[in-house]
C-alpha atoms as a PDB file:
ATOM      1  CA  MET A   1    -112.410 -42.957  74.084  1.00  0.00           C
ATOM      2  CA  SER A   2    -114.385 -45.775  72.694  1.00  0.00           C
ATOM      3  CA  SER A   3    -111.301 -47.405  71.102  1.00  0.00           C
ATOM      4  CA  LEU A   4    -109.516 -47.363  74.477  1.00  0.00           C
ATOM      5  CA  ALA A   5    -112.499 -48.806  76.327  1.00  0.00           C
ATOM      6  CA  GLN A   6    -112.408 -51.600  73.851  1.00  0.00           C
ATOM      7  CA  LEU A   7    -108.780 -52.273  73.748  1.00  0.00           C
ATOM      8  CA  PRO A   8    -108.822 -54.526  76.663  1.00  0.00           C
ATOM      9  CA  SER A   9    -111.539 -56.735  75.171  1.00  0.00           C
ATOM     10  CA  ARG A  10    -109.842 -56.796  71.822  1.00  0.00           C
ATOM     11  CA  THR A  11    -106.415 -57.983  73.729  1.00  0.00           C
ATOM     12  CA  ARG A  12    -108.686 -60.580  75.509  1.00  0.00           C
ATOM     13  CA  LEU A  13    -109.818 -61.996  72.205  1.00  0.00           C
ATOM     14  CA  LEU A  14    -106.466 -61.911  70.645  1.00  0.00           C
ATOM     15  CA  ALA A  15    -104.717 -63.609  73.199  1.00  0.00           C
ATOM     16  CA  SER A  16    -107.740 -66.127  73.586  1.00  0.00           C
ATOM     17  CA  ARG A  17    -107.382 -66.941  69.670  1.00  0.00           C
ATOM     18  CA  THR A  18    -103.467 -67.460  70.351  1.00  0.00           C
ATOM     19  CA  ARG A  19    -103.802 -70.152  72.753  1.00  0.00           C
ATOM     20  CA  LEU A  20    -106.590 -71.772  70.781  1.00  0.00           C
ATOM     21  CA  LEU A  21    -104.345 -72.169  67.884  1.00  0.00           C
ATOM     22  CA  ALA A  22    -101.243 -72.915  69.809  1.00  0.00           C
ATOM     23  CA  LEU A  23    -103.433 -75.805  71.517  1.00  0.00           C
ATOM     24  CA  GLY A  24    -104.808 -77.130  68.094  1.00  0.00           C
ATOM     25  CA  ARG A  25    -101.426 -77.161  66.397  1.00  0.00           C
ATOM     26  CA  ALA A  26    -100.146 -79.056  69.238  1.00  0.00           C
ATOM     27  CA  GLU A  27    -103.114 -81.508  68.993  1.00  0.00           C
ATOM     28  CA  LEU A  28    -102.896 -81.787  65.280  1.00  0.00           C
ATOM     29  CA  THR A  29     -99.092 -82.821  65.712  1.00  0.00           C
ATOM     30  CA  LEU A  30    -100.333 -85.646  68.039  1.00  0.00           C
ATOM     31  CA  LEU A  31    -103.116 -86.761  65.622  1.00  0.00           C
ATOM     32  CA  VAL A  32    -100.870 -87.004  62.516  1.00  0.00           C
ATOM     33  CA  ARG A  33     -98.504 -89.365  64.530  1.00  0.00           C
ATOM     34  CA  ASN A  34    -101.602 -91.337  65.588  1.00  0.00           C
ATOM     35  CA  ARG A  35    -101.918 -93.479  62.174  1.00  0.00           C
ATOM     36  CA  THR A  36    -104.855 -95.535  63.309  1.00  0.00           C
ATOM     37  CA  ALA A  37    -106.747 -92.573  64.588  1.00  0.00           C
ATOM     38  CA  LEU A  38    -105.715 -90.741  61.161  1.00  0.00           C
ATOM     39  CA  PHE A  39    -106.706 -94.230  59.313  1.00  0.00           C
ATOM     40  CA  GLY A  40    -110.295 -94.201  61.011  1.00  0.00           C
ATOM     41  CA  ALA A  41    -111.045 -90.729  60.383  1.00  0.00           C
ATOM     42  CA  LEU A  42    -109.767 -90.373  56.482  1.00  0.00           C
ATOM     43  CA  LEU A  43    -110.543 -93.899  54.935  1.00  0.00           C
ATOM     44  CA  VAL A  44    -113.563 -95.572  56.841  1.00  0.00           C
ATOM     45  CA  PRO A  45    -115.992 -92.904  55.578  1.00  0.00           C
ATOM     46  CA  LEU A  46    -114.698 -93.393  52.472  1.00  0.00           C
ATOM     47  CA  LEU A  47    -114.633 -97.054  52.201  1.00  0.00           C
ATOM     48  CA  MET A  48    -118.390 -97.121  53.787  1.00  0.00           C
ATOM     49  CA  VAL A  49    -119.498 -95.642  50.588  1.00  0.00           C
ATOM     50  CA  GLU A  50    -118.909 -98.461  48.319  1.00  0.00           C
ATOM     51  CA  ALA A  51    -119.969-100.705  51.088  1.00  0.00           C
ATOM     52  CA  VAL A  52    -123.372 -99.220  51.536  1.00  0.00           C
ATOM     53  CA  ARG A  53    -123.733 -99.053  47.602  1.00  0.00           C
ATOM     54  CA  SER A  54    -122.977-102.711  47.452  1.00  0.00           C
ATOM     55  CA  SER A  55    -125.263-103.784  50.417  1.00  0.00           C
ATOM     56  CA  LEU A  56    -128.247-101.677  48.944  1.00  0.00           C
ATOM     57  CA  ARG A  57    -128.004-102.665  45.361  1.00  0.00           C
ATOM     58  CA  SER A  58    -130.797-104.770  45.671  1.00  0.00           C
ATOM     59  CA  VAL A  59    -132.975-102.539  47.856  1.00  0.00           C
ATOM     60  CA  ASP A  60    -135.637-100.261  46.564  1.00  0.00           C
ATOM     61  CA  LEU A  61    -135.337 -96.727  47.975  1.00  0.00           C
ATOM     62  CA  GLY A  62    -137.885 -95.327  46.020  1.00  0.00           C
ATOM     63  CA  GLU A  63    -140.747 -95.165  48.366  1.00  0.00           C
ATOM     64  CA  ALA A  64    -138.304 -93.386  50.986  1.00  0.00           C
ATOM     65  CA  GLY A  65    -137.713 -90.712  48.197  1.00  0.00           C
ATOM     66  CA  THR A  66    -133.929 -91.069  48.122  1.00  0.00           C
ATOM     67  CA  SER A  67    -131.331 -93.267  46.167  1.00  0.00           C
ATOM     68  CA  ILE A  68    -128.802 -95.660  47.236  1.00  0.00           C
ATOM     69  CA  ALA A  69    -125.955 -93.080  46.168  1.00  0.00           C
ATOM     70  CA  GLU A  70    -127.570 -90.586  48.289  1.00  0.00           C
ATOM     71  CA  VAL A  71    -127.796 -92.774  51.356  1.00  0.00           C
ATOM     72  CA  ALA A  72    -124.295 -93.911  50.892  1.00  0.00           C
ATOM     73  CA  VAL A  73    -122.996 -90.302  50.589  1.00  0.00           C
ATOM     74  CA  THR A  74    -124.815 -89.071  53.717  1.00  0.00           C
ATOM     75  CA  GLY A  75    -124.298 -92.046  55.755  1.00  0.00           C
ATOM     76  CA  ALA A  76    -120.407 -91.459  55.109  1.00  0.00           C
ATOM     77  CA  ILE A  77    -120.759 -87.612  56.143  1.00  0.00           C
ATOM     78  CA  GLY A  78    -122.378 -89.441  59.647  1.00  0.00           C
ATOM     79  CA  MET A  79    -119.577 -91.810  59.941  1.00  0.00           C
ATOM     80  CA  ALA A  80    -117.036 -89.019  59.363  1.00  0.00           C
ATOM     81  CA  LEU A  81    -118.446 -87.105  62.337  1.00  0.00           C
ATOM     82  CA  LEU A  82    -118.873 -90.447  64.415  1.00  0.00           C
ATOM     83  CA  MET A  83    -115.363 -91.690  63.600  1.00  0.00           C
ATOM     84  CA  GLY A  84    -113.364 -88.287  63.122  1.00  0.00           C
ATOM     85  CA  VAL A  85    -115.022 -86.445  65.708  1.00  0.00           C
ATOM     86  CA  TYR A  86    -116.630 -88.575  68.545  1.00  0.00           C
ATOM     87  CA  SER A  87    -114.350 -91.494  68.569  1.00  0.00           C
ATOM     88  CA  ASN A  88    -111.195 -89.484  68.301  1.00  0.00           C
ATOM     89  CA  LEU A  89    -112.076 -87.079  70.720  1.00  0.00           C
ATOM     90  CA  VAL A  90    -112.822 -89.651  73.522  1.00  0.00           C
ATOM     91  CA  ALA A  91    -109.549 -91.080  73.098  1.00  0.00           C
ATOM     92  CA  ALA A  92    -107.816 -87.628  72.819  1.00  0.00           C
ATOM     93  CA  PHE A  93    -109.452 -86.409  76.002  1.00  0.00           C
ATOM     94  CA  VAL A  94    -108.729 -89.325  77.864  1.00  0.00           C
ATOM     95  CA  ALA A  95    -105.053 -89.504  76.740  1.00  0.00           C
ATOM     96  CA  ARG A  96    -104.352 -86.081  77.608  1.00  0.00           C
ATOM     97  CA  ARG A  97    -105.802 -86.447  81.202  1.00  0.00           C
ATOM     98  CA  GLU A  98    -104.224 -89.515  81.808  1.00  0.00           C
ATOM     99  CA  ALA A  99    -100.736 -87.857  80.785  1.00  0.00           C
ATOM    100  CA  LEU A 100    -101.374 -84.876  82.779  1.00  0.00           C
ATOM    101  CA  VAL A 101    -101.868 -82.716  79.912  1.00  0.00           C
ATOM    102  CA  LEU A 102    -105.096 -81.176  81.146  1.00  0.00           C
ATOM    103  CA  LYS A 103    -103.895 -80.478  84.399  1.00  0.00           C
ATOM    104  CA  ARG A 104    -100.936 -78.669  83.447  1.00  0.00           C
ATOM    105  CA  LEU A 105    -102.665 -76.869  81.132  1.00  0.00           C
ATOM    106  CA  ARG A 106    -105.282 -75.842  83.771  1.00  0.00           C
ATOM    107  CA  THR A 107    -102.678 -74.348  85.830  1.00  0.00           C
ATOM    108  CA  GLY A 108    -101.825 -71.747  83.136  1.00  0.00           C
ATOM    109  CA  GLU A 109    -103.562 -69.113  81.277  1.00  0.00           C
ATOM    110  CA  PRO A 110    -106.015 -70.924  78.985  1.00  0.00           C
ATOM    111  CA  THR A 111    -109.608 -71.320  80.448  1.00  0.00           C
ATOM    112  CA  ASP A 112    -111.506 -74.820  80.704  1.00  0.00           C
ATOM    113  CA  PRO A 113    -113.448 -73.909  77.331  1.00  0.00           C
ATOM    114  CA  GLU A 114    -110.550 -72.969  75.653  1.00  0.00           C
ATOM    115  CA  ILE A 115    -108.620 -76.092  76.879  1.00  0.00           C
ATOM    116  CA  LEU A 116    -111.500 -78.342  75.488  1.00  0.00           C
ATOM    117  CA  THR A 117    -111.928 -76.220  72.022  1.00  0.00           C
ATOM    118  CA  GLY A 118    -108.314 -76.108  71.218  1.00  0.00           C
ATOM    119  CA  ILE A 119    -107.728 -80.114  71.611  1.00  0.00           C
ATOM    120  CA  SER A 120    -111.022 -80.392  69.500  1.00  0.00           C
ATOM    121  CA  LEU A 121    -110.028 -78.057  66.609  1.00  0.00           C
ATOM    122  CA  PRO A 122    -107.989 -80.576  64.575  1.00  0.00           C
ATOM    123  CA  ALA A 123    -110.385 -83.289  64.581  1.00  0.00           C
ATOM    124  CA  ALA A 124    -113.267 -80.850  63.849  1.00  0.00           C
ATOM    125  CA  THR A 125    -111.410 -79.325  61.140  1.00  0.00           C
ATOM    126  CA  LEU A 126    -110.717 -82.731  59.623  1.00  0.00           C
ATOM    127  CA  ALA A 127    -114.444 -83.967  59.961  1.00  0.00           C
ATOM    128  CA  LEU A 128    -115.326 -80.549  58.000  1.00  0.00           C
ATOM    129  CA  ALA A 129    -112.762 -81.180  55.293  1.00  0.00           C
ATOM    130  CA  GLN A 130    -113.987 -84.934  55.052  1.00  0.00           C
ATOM    131  CA  CYS A 131    -117.505 -83.921  54.672  1.00  0.00           C
ATOM    132  CA  THR A 132    -116.572 -81.501  52.030  1.00  0.00           C
ATOM    133  CA  VAL A 133    -114.679 -84.236  50.065  1.00  0.00           C
ATOM    134  CA  LEU A 134    -117.671 -86.733  50.287  1.00  0.00           C
ATOM    135  CA  THR A 135    -120.171 -84.077  49.058  1.00  0.00           C
ATOM    136  CA  ILE A 136    -117.965 -83.049  46.085  1.00  0.00           C
ATOM    137  CA  GLY A 137    -116.987 -86.695  45.267  1.00  0.00           C
ATOM    138  CA  GLY A 138    -120.921 -87.417  45.684  1.00  0.00           C
ATOM    139  CA  ILE A 139    -121.816 -84.784  42.756  1.00  0.00           C
ATOM    140  CA  ALA A 140    -118.675 -85.609  40.571  1.00  0.00           C
ATOM    141  CA  VAL A 141    -118.321 -89.409  40.905  1.00  0.00           C
ATOM    142  CA  LEU A 142    -121.873 -90.711  41.804  1.00  0.00           C
ATOM    143  CA  ASP A 143    -123.840 -88.329  39.653  1.00  0.00           C
ATOM    144  CA  LEU A 144    -125.764 -86.888  42.955  1.00  0.00           C
ATOM    145  CA  PRO A 145    -127.502 -83.678  42.321  1.00  0.00           C
ATOM    146  CA  VAL A 146    -126.265 -80.312  43.867  1.00  0.00           C
ATOM    147  CA  PRO A 147    -127.756 -80.253  47.471  1.00  0.00           C
ATOM    148  CA  ALA A 148    -130.921 -78.585  47.061  1.00  0.00           C
ATOM    149  CA  ARG A 149    -130.523 -76.663  50.573  1.00  0.00           C
ATOM    150  CA  PRO A 150    -126.631 -76.316  51.021  1.00  0.00           C
ATOM    151  CA  GLU A 151    -127.097 -73.935  54.051  1.00  0.00           C
ATOM    152  CA  LEU A 152    -129.134 -76.936  55.825  1.00  0.00           C
ATOM    153  CA  LEU A 153    -126.285 -79.397  54.801  1.00  0.00           C
ATOM    154  CA  LEU A 154    -123.601 -77.183  56.585  1.00  0.00           C
ATOM    155  CA  ALA A 155    -126.139 -76.699  59.562  1.00  0.00           C
ATOM    156  CA  GLY A 156    -126.049 -80.292  60.093  1.00  0.00           C
ATOM    157  CA  VAL A 157    -122.520 -81.122  59.792  1.00  0.00           C
ATOM    158  CA  VAL A 158    -121.407 -78.018  62.013  1.00  0.00           C
ATOM    159  CA  LEU A 159    -124.254 -78.796  64.747  1.00  0.00           C
ATOM    160  CA  GLY A 160    -122.987 -82.489  64.613  1.00  0.00           C
ATOM    161  CA  ILE A 161    -119.321 -81.581  65.028  1.00  0.00           C
ATOM    162  CA  VAL A 162    -120.499 -79.293  68.368  1.00  0.00           C
ATOM    163  CA  LEU A 163    -122.920 -81.957  69.409  1.00  0.00           C
ATOM    164  CA  LEU A 164    -120.277 -84.971  69.114  1.00  0.00           C
ATOM    165  CA  THR A 165    -117.338 -82.999  70.635  1.00  0.00           C
ATOM    166  CA  THR A 166    -119.496 -82.160  73.825  1.00  0.00           C
ATOM    167  CA  VAL A 167    -120.653 -86.003  73.955  1.00  0.00           C
ATOM    168  CA  ALA A 168    -117.058 -87.157  73.663  1.00  0.00           C
ATOM    169  CA  ALA A 169    -115.934 -84.920  76.594  1.00  0.00           C
ATOM    170  CA  ALA A 170    -118.724 -86.338  78.383  1.00  0.00           C
ATOM    171  CA  THR A 171    -117.897 -89.974  77.268  1.00  0.00           C
ATOM    172  CA  SER A 172    -114.137 -89.328  78.339  1.00  0.00           C
ATOM    173  CA  ALA A 173    -115.431 -89.027  82.115  1.00  0.00           C
ATOM    174  CA  VAL A 174    -116.341 -92.788  82.024  1.00  0.00           C
ATOM    175  CA  THR A 175    -113.513 -93.864  80.178  1.00  0.00           C
ATOM    176  CA  ARG A 176    -110.601 -95.297  82.333  1.00  0.00           C
ATOM    177  CA  THR A 177    -107.814 -95.449  79.595  1.00  0.00           C
ATOM    178  CA  PRO A 178    -107.105 -94.311  75.986  1.00  0.00           C
ATOM    179  CA  GLU A 179    -107.161 -98.133  74.924  1.00  0.00           C
ATOM    180  CA  SER A 180    -110.619 -98.451  76.419  1.00  0.00           C
ATOM    181  CA  ALA A 181    -111.657 -95.440  74.721  1.00  0.00           C
ATOM    182  CA  GLN A 182    -112.936 -97.544  71.635  1.00  0.00           C
ATOM    183  CA  LEU A 183    -115.202 -99.441  73.708  1.00  0.00           C
ATOM    184  CA  THR A 184    -116.777 -96.892  75.417  1.00  0.00           C
ATOM    185  CA  ALA A 185    -117.581 -94.880  72.140  1.00  0.00           C
ATOM    186  CA  LEU A 186    -118.654 -98.060  70.450  1.00  0.00           C
ATOM    187  CA  PRO A 187    -122.452 -98.078  71.832  1.00  0.00           C
ATOM    188  CA  LEU A 188    -123.192 -94.797  70.461  1.00  0.00           C
ATOM    189  CA  VAL A 189    -121.527 -95.437  67.122  1.00  0.00           C
ATOM    190  CA  LEU A 190    -123.296 -98.785  66.781  1.00  0.00           C
ATOM    191  CA  LEU A 191    -126.686 -97.093  67.577  1.00  0.00           C
ATOM    192  CA  SER A 192    -126.397 -94.086  65.527  1.00  0.00           C
ATOM    193  CA  SER A 193    -125.011 -96.158  62.514  1.00  0.00           C
ATOM    194  CA  ILE A 194    -128.248 -98.403  62.825  1.00  0.00           C
ATOM    195  CA  GLY A 195    -130.926 -95.818  64.183  1.00  0.00           C
ATOM    196  CA  SER A 196    -130.130 -92.433  62.980  1.00  0.00           C
ATOM    197  CA  GLY A 197    -130.755 -92.742  59.664  1.00  0.00           C
ATOM    198  CA  LEU A 198    -127.290 -93.222  58.393  1.00  0.00           C
ATOM    199  CA  PHE A 199    -127.542 -96.220  56.145  1.00  0.00           C
ATOM    200  CA  VAL A 200    -131.346 -96.887  56.685  1.00  0.00           C
ATOM    201  CA  PRO A 201    -133.929 -93.993  56.299  1.00  0.00           C
ATOM    202  CA  LEU A 202    -136.264 -94.014  59.116  1.00  0.00           C
ATOM    203  CA  SER A 203    -139.337 -93.960  56.985  1.00  0.00           C
ATOM    204  CA  MET A 204    -138.497 -97.625  56.041  1.00  0.00           C
ATOM    205  CA  LEU A 205    -138.524 -98.634  59.815  1.00  0.00           C
ATOM    206  CA  PRO A 206    -141.762 -99.456  61.544  1.00  0.00           C
ATOM    207  CA  GLU A 207    -143.590 -96.367  62.998  1.00  0.00           C
ATOM    208  CA  TRP A 208    -142.909 -97.194  66.475  1.00  0.00           C
ATOM    209  CA  LEU A 209    -139.175 -97.960  66.002  1.00  0.00           C
ATOM    210  CA  ALA A 210    -138.662 -94.709  63.953  1.00  0.00           C
ATOM    211  CA  SER A 211    -140.173 -92.797  66.769  1.00  0.00           C
ATOM    212  CA  VAL A 212    -137.735 -94.422  69.286  1.00  0.00           C
ATOM    213  CA  CYS A 213    -134.935 -93.614  66.669  1.00  0.00           C
ATOM    214  CA  GLU A 214    -135.801 -89.943  66.414  1.00  0.00           C
ATOM    215  CA  LEU A 215    -134.774 -89.321  70.138  1.00  0.00           C
ATOM    216  CA  LEU A 216    -131.261 -90.627  69.293  1.00  0.00           C
ATOM    217  CA  PRO A 217    -128.450 -87.810  69.518  1.00  0.00           C
ATOM    218  CA  LEU A 218    -127.644 -88.011  66.066  1.00  0.00           C
ATOM    219  CA  THR A 219    -130.634 -88.431  64.378  1.00  0.00           C
ATOM    220  CA  GLY A 220    -131.603 -84.644  64.218  1.00  0.00           C
ATOM    221  CA  VAL A 221    -128.030 -83.796  62.605  1.00  0.00           C
ATOM    222  CA  MET A 222    -128.568 -86.609  59.817  1.00  0.00           C
ATOM    223  CA  THR A 223    -132.246 -85.319  59.141  1.00  0.00           C
ATOM    224  CA  LEU A 224    -130.605 -81.795  58.742  1.00  0.00           C
ATOM    225  CA  VAL A 225    -127.950 -83.401  56.373  1.00  0.00           C
ATOM    226  CA  ARG A 226    -130.451 -85.508  54.334  1.00  0.00           C
ATOM    227  CA  ALA A 227    -132.683 -82.376  54.028  1.00  0.00           C
ATOM    228  CA  GLY A 228    -129.844 -80.619  52.780  1.00  0.00           C
ATOM    229  CA  TRP A 229    -129.546 -82.862  49.701  1.00  0.00           C
ATOM    230  CA  THR A 230    -133.212 -83.373  48.979  1.00  0.00           C
ATOM    231  CA  GLY A 231    -134.990 -80.176  50.090  1.00  0.00           C
ATOM    232  CA  GLY A 232    -138.685 -80.335  50.583  1.00  0.00           C
ATOM    233  CA  VAL A 233    -138.769 -80.949  54.150  1.00  0.00           C
ATOM    234  CA  ALA A 234    -141.191 -79.323  56.311  1.00  0.00           C
ATOM    235  CA  ALA A 235    -140.142 -76.419  58.442  1.00  0.00           C
ATOM    236  CA  GLY A 236    -141.722 -78.338  61.683  1.00  0.00           C
ATOM    237  CA  ASP A 237    -139.643 -81.229  60.866  1.00  0.00           C
ATOM    238  CA  LEU A 238    -136.255 -79.226  60.655  1.00  0.00           C
ATOM    239  CA  LEU A 239    -137.150 -77.376  63.665  1.00  0.00           C
ATOM    240  CA  GLY A 240    -137.718 -80.496  65.485  1.00  0.00           C
ATOM    241  CA  ALA A 241    -134.537 -82.173  64.286  1.00  0.00           C
ATOM    242  CA  ALA A 242    -132.474 -78.876  65.229  1.00  0.00           C
ATOM    243  CA  THR A 243    -134.175 -78.695  68.780  1.00  0.00           C
ATOM    244  CA  ALA A 244    -133.417 -82.537  69.588  1.00  0.00           C
ATOM    245  CA  ALA A 245    -129.446 -81.897  68.425  1.00  0.00           C
ATOM    246  CA  VAL A 246    -129.468 -78.689  70.779  1.00  0.00           C
ATOM    247  CA  ALA A 247    -131.134 -80.380  73.554  1.00  0.00           C
ATOM    248  CA  TRP A 248    -128.631 -83.127  73.302  1.00  0.00           C
ATOM    249  CA  THR A 249    -125.745 -80.614  73.084  1.00  0.00           C
ATOM    250  CA  ALA A 250    -126.865 -78.692  76.235  1.00  0.00           C
ATOM    251  CA  VAL A 251    -127.221 -82.042  78.351  1.00  0.00           C
ATOM    252  CA  SER A 252    -123.843 -82.967  77.093  1.00  0.00           C
ATOM    253  CA  VAL A 253    -122.624 -79.544  78.247  1.00  0.00           C
ATOM    254  CA  PHE A 254    -124.084 -79.991  81.648  1.00  0.00           C
ATOM    255  CA  ALA A 255    -122.631 -83.484  81.824  1.00  0.00           C
ATOM    256  CA  VAL A 256    -119.077 -82.176  81.041  1.00  0.00           C
ATOM    257  CA  GLN A 257    -119.523 -79.514  83.486  1.00  0.00           C
ATOM    258  CA  ARG A 258    -120.744 -81.881  86.408  1.00  0.00           C
ATOM    259  CA  TRP A 259    -118.667 -84.767  85.469  1.00  0.00           C
ATOM    260  CA  PHE A 260    -115.561 -84.311  83.273  1.00  0.00           C
ATOM    261  CA  ARG A 261    -111.917 -85.245  84.691  1.00  0.00           C
ATOM    262  CA  TRP A 262    -109.266 -83.116  84.692  1.00  0.00           C
ATOM    263  CA  GLU A 263    -106.780 -85.436  86.254  1.00  0.00           C
ATOM    264  CA  PRO A 264    -106.118 -89.026  85.880  1.00  0.00           C
ATOM    265  CA  ARG A 265    -108.697 -91.612  87.515  1.00  0.00           C
ATOM    266  CA  ARG A 266    -107.340 -93.376  90.572  1.00  0.00           C
END
């Protein structure tokens, strides 16, 4: 009797999974064809590792409790999230909207969350794979120690993917064309690169500036990622970082529900 009662629910879940996979496959095909987006997602974070190592070679990071290799790899993970998830998805959401893909999908069986999630799946998977490669490469090539708290590292990456997916959807609402997506995404990319601890630990900044930077969307994510490598971070700091990231995600979800555009801008 209970099995019969659960059958409709299981059927709905199976149908939802099928729709998500179909949307994800279609989006993956488009992503692979977009060589510029693929280059940015795959190669830019890798190139950033060597660029950061070269630029920080003469900087003493001992007082910050880190090393050049660690800053380079964690910063590259942050860039993989920004470029692979955020920048790519802003352009993807706008391109699908302007091509009336979102409008057509919305008239079919997929729900709104399924549509947005399905479009996001390839970028999220690519970013997760890229972060995995960077982690393994940092250990094997740069002689970094194995992450002290791998669960925090994974939590930071997953939370970053969810956060930047929702922020990308919200940003697409103020983006008119796929060509202008790089411009509307640029402010957050620059602010996060400079102020969220990607390449300059917040402990090296003046106290008042570090306090301001802690409010940026990606700062909490990077705190978790860096804590995953080093460990030894106070539970209160970890809770604050996770809370900040979740709060930004909630704000972005509200913005998407309120302002996300499903049809071309007129």
